[in-house]
């Protein structure tokens, strides 16, 4: 088992386990704070949304979190934060809707 430095904390990498999507994702997420937000510590966009790499394509981290917990996001819908925190990936803070 190797230990690598990541986002001001140590994350333990175990070969064969950390490579699953969920394990890779949560290695970049902090535990919930007082507001219940689970903050993304990986890369982010200029507008402050987290980014996560899957199959040679970048995805917004909050969209990946929603899809992992609730299923596919339908065409025409967007994932929204009830907490208005673009770095939050807590599934219970996310919902789908339209931009309007």
C-alpha atoms as a PDB file:
ATOM      1  CA  UNK A   1       0.000   0.000   0.000  1.00  0.00           C
ATOM      2  CA  UNK A   2       1.346   3.438  -0.950  1.00  0.00           C
ATOM      3  CA  UNK A   3       0.577   6.727   0.707  1.00  0.00           C
ATOM      4  CA  UNK A   4       0.387   9.876  -1.408  1.00  0.00           C
ATOM      5  CA  UNK A   5      -0.121  13.446  -0.350  1.00  0.00           C
ATOM      6  CA  UNK A   6      -3.397  14.904  -1.611  1.00  0.00           C
ATOM      7  CA  UNK A   7      -5.205  18.102  -0.667  1.00  0.00           C
ATOM      8  CA  UNK A   8      -3.619  18.684   2.748  1.00  0.00           C
ATOM      9  CA  UNK A   9      -4.374  15.145   3.943  1.00  0.00           C
ATOM     10  CA  UNK A  10      -3.044  11.668   3.368  1.00  0.00           C
ATOM     11  CA  UNK A  11      -5.029   9.275   1.208  1.00  0.00           C
ATOM     12  CA  UNK A  12      -4.215   5.574   1.281  1.00  0.00           C
ATOM     13  CA  UNK A  13      -4.046   3.955  -2.144  1.00  0.00           C
ATOM     14  CA  UNK A  14      -4.521   0.219  -2.355  1.00  0.00           C
ATOM     15  CA  UNK A  15      -3.826  -1.306  -5.783  1.00  0.00           C
ATOM     16  CA  UNK A  16      -7.000  -2.639  -7.371  1.00  0.00           C
ATOM     17  CA  UNK A  17      -9.361  -0.864  -4.984  1.00  0.00           C
ATOM     18  CA  UNK A  18      -8.706   2.833  -5.523  1.00  0.00           C
ATOM     19  CA  UNK A  19      -9.198   2.439  -9.275  1.00  0.00           C
ATOM     20  CA  UNK A  20     -12.954   1.989  -8.990  1.00  0.00           C
ATOM     21  CA  UNK A  21     -14.892   5.098  -9.965  1.00  0.00           C
ATOM     22  CA  UNK A  22     -16.406   5.657  -6.538  1.00  0.00           C
ATOM     23  CA  UNK A  23     -13.091   5.217  -4.712  1.00  0.00           C
ATOM     24  CA  UNK A  24     -11.274   7.560  -7.101  1.00  0.00           C
ATOM     25  CA  UNK A  25     -14.058  10.112  -6.696  1.00  0.00           C
ATOM     26  CA  UNK A  26     -14.247  10.059  -2.885  1.00  0.00           C
ATOM     27  CA  UNK A  27     -10.457  10.279  -2.555  1.00  0.00           C
ATOM     28  CA  UNK A  28     -10.976  13.919  -3.609  1.00  0.00           C
ATOM     29  CA  UNK A  29     -13.887  14.752  -1.292  1.00  0.00           C
ATOM     30  CA  UNK A  30     -13.762  16.118   2.249  1.00  0.00           C
ATOM     31  CA  UNK A  31     -16.127  14.786   4.899  1.00  0.00           C
ATOM     32  CA  UNK A  32     -19.276  16.890   5.479  1.00  0.00           C
ATOM     33  CA  UNK A  33     -18.822  20.212   7.251  1.00  0.00           C
ATOM     34  CA  UNK A  34     -21.337  21.857   9.627  1.00  0.00           C
ATOM     35  CA  UNK A  35     -23.609  22.789   6.718  1.00  0.00           C
ATOM     36  CA  UNK A  36     -23.515  19.219   5.375  1.00  0.00           C
ATOM     37  CA  UNK A  37     -21.461  20.180   2.310  1.00  0.00           C
ATOM     38  CA  UNK A  38     -18.945  17.632   1.057  1.00  0.00           C
ATOM     39  CA  UNK A  39     -16.321  19.766  -0.669  1.00  0.00           C
ATOM     40  CA  UNK A  40     -14.408  18.768  -3.796  1.00  0.00           C
ATOM     41  CA  UNK A  41     -10.617  19.061  -3.394  1.00  0.00           C
ATOM     42  CA  UNK A  42      -9.583  18.064  -6.919  1.00  0.00           C
ATOM     43  CA  UNK A  43      -9.299  20.213 -10.011  1.00  0.00           C
ATOM     44  CA  UNK A  44     -11.879  22.866 -10.737  1.00  0.00           C
ATOM     45  CA  UNK A  45     -13.126  25.165 -13.474  1.00  0.00           C
ATOM     46  CA  UNK A  46     -12.518  28.908 -13.525  1.00  0.00           C
ATOM     47  CA  UNK A  47     -16.104  29.352 -12.320  1.00  0.00           C
ATOM     48  CA  UNK A  48     -15.377  27.164  -9.277  1.00  0.00           C
ATOM     49  CA  UNK A  49     -17.039  23.841 -10.149  1.00  0.00           C
ATOM     50  CA  UNK A  50     -15.144  20.617  -9.471  1.00  0.00           C
ATOM     51  CA  UNK A  51     -13.822  18.530 -12.368  1.00  0.00           C
ATOM     52  CA  UNK A  52     -13.474  14.738 -12.514  1.00  0.00           C
ATOM     53  CA  UNK A  53     -11.830  12.722 -15.299  1.00  0.00           C
ATOM     54  CA  UNK A  54     -13.669   9.629 -16.620  1.00  0.00           C
ATOM     55  CA  UNK A  55     -12.653   7.758 -19.792  1.00  0.00           C
ATOM     56  CA  UNK A  56     -10.506  10.574 -21.199  1.00  0.00           C
ATOM     57  CA  UNK A  57     -13.259  13.163 -20.673  1.00  0.00           C
ATOM     58  CA  UNK A  58     -13.723  15.799 -17.973  1.00  0.00           C
ATOM     59  CA  UNK A  59     -17.056  15.927 -16.116  1.00  0.00           C
ATOM     60  CA  UNK A  60     -18.293  18.309 -13.461  1.00  0.00           C
ATOM     61  CA  UNK A  61     -17.865  16.629 -10.072  1.00  0.00           C
ATOM     62  CA  UNK A  62     -21.357  17.469  -8.790  1.00  0.00           C
ATOM     63  CA  UNK A  63     -22.891  15.841 -11.895  1.00  0.00           C
ATOM     64  CA  UNK A  64     -20.812  12.691 -11.323  1.00  0.00           C
ATOM     65  CA  UNK A  65     -21.926  12.615  -7.680  1.00  0.00           C
ATOM     66  CA  UNK A  66     -25.587  12.918  -8.666  1.00  0.00           C
ATOM     67  CA  UNK A  67     -25.274  10.190 -11.320  1.00  0.00           C
ATOM     68  CA  UNK A  68     -23.472   7.796  -8.921  1.00  0.00           C
ATOM     69  CA  UNK A  69     -26.231   8.118  -6.319  1.00  0.00           C
ATOM     70  CA  UNK A  70     -29.443   8.698  -8.296  1.00  0.00           C
ATOM     71  CA  UNK A  71     -28.780   7.477 -11.833  1.00  0.00           C
ATOM     72  CA  UNK A  72     -28.423   9.026 -15.253  1.00  0.00           C
ATOM     73  CA  UNK A  73     -29.180  12.716 -15.777  1.00  0.00           C
ATOM     74  CA  UNK A  74     -31.847  13.118 -18.464  1.00  0.00           C
ATOM     75  CA  UNK A  75     -31.194  15.298 -21.511  1.00  0.00           C
ATOM     76  CA  UNK A  76     -32.199  18.918 -21.006  1.00  0.00           C
ATOM     77  CA  UNK A  77     -31.819  18.766 -17.215  1.00  0.00           C
ATOM     78  CA  UNK A  78     -29.069  20.298 -15.109  1.00  0.00           C
ATOM     79  CA  UNK A  79     -27.781  19.343 -11.663  1.00  0.00           C
ATOM     80  CA  UNK A  80     -28.374  22.152  -9.151  1.00  0.00           C
ATOM     81  CA  UNK A  81     -27.046  22.794  -5.632  1.00  0.00           C
ATOM     82  CA  UNK A  82     -29.481  23.597  -2.833  1.00  0.00           C
ATOM     83  CA  UNK A  83     -26.532  25.008  -0.863  1.00  0.00           C
ATOM     84  CA  UNK A  84     -25.328  27.288  -3.721  1.00  0.00           C
ATOM     85  CA  UNK A  85     -21.763  26.015  -3.216  1.00  0.00           C
ATOM     86  CA  UNK A  86     -20.219  25.000  -6.575  1.00  0.00           C
ATOM     87  CA  UNK A  87     -17.606  22.759  -4.873  1.00  0.00           C
ATOM     88  CA  UNK A  88     -20.223  20.755  -2.938  1.00  0.00           C
ATOM     89  CA  UNK A  89     -20.759  17.165  -4.126  1.00  0.00           C
ATOM     90  CA  UNK A  90     -23.034  16.011  -1.272  1.00  0.00           C
ATOM     91  CA  UNK A  91     -25.766  13.962  -2.977  1.00  0.00           C
ATOM     92  CA  UNK A  92     -28.507  15.259  -0.662  1.00  0.00           C
ATOM     93  CA  UNK A  93     -27.641  18.865  -1.690  1.00  0.00           C
ATOM     94  CA  UNK A  94     -28.136  18.069  -5.394  1.00  0.00           C
ATOM     95  CA  UNK A  95     -31.258  17.968  -7.522  1.00  0.00           C
ATOM     96  CA  UNK A  96     -32.074  18.125 -11.211  1.00  0.00           C
ATOM     97  CA  UNK A  97     -34.100  20.764 -13.006  1.00  0.00           C
ATOM     98  CA  UNK A  98     -33.954  23.244 -15.850  1.00  0.00           C
ATOM     99  CA  UNK A  99     -31.996  26.471 -15.936  1.00  0.00           C
ATOM    100  CA  UNK A 100     -35.272  28.403 -15.802  1.00  0.00           C
END
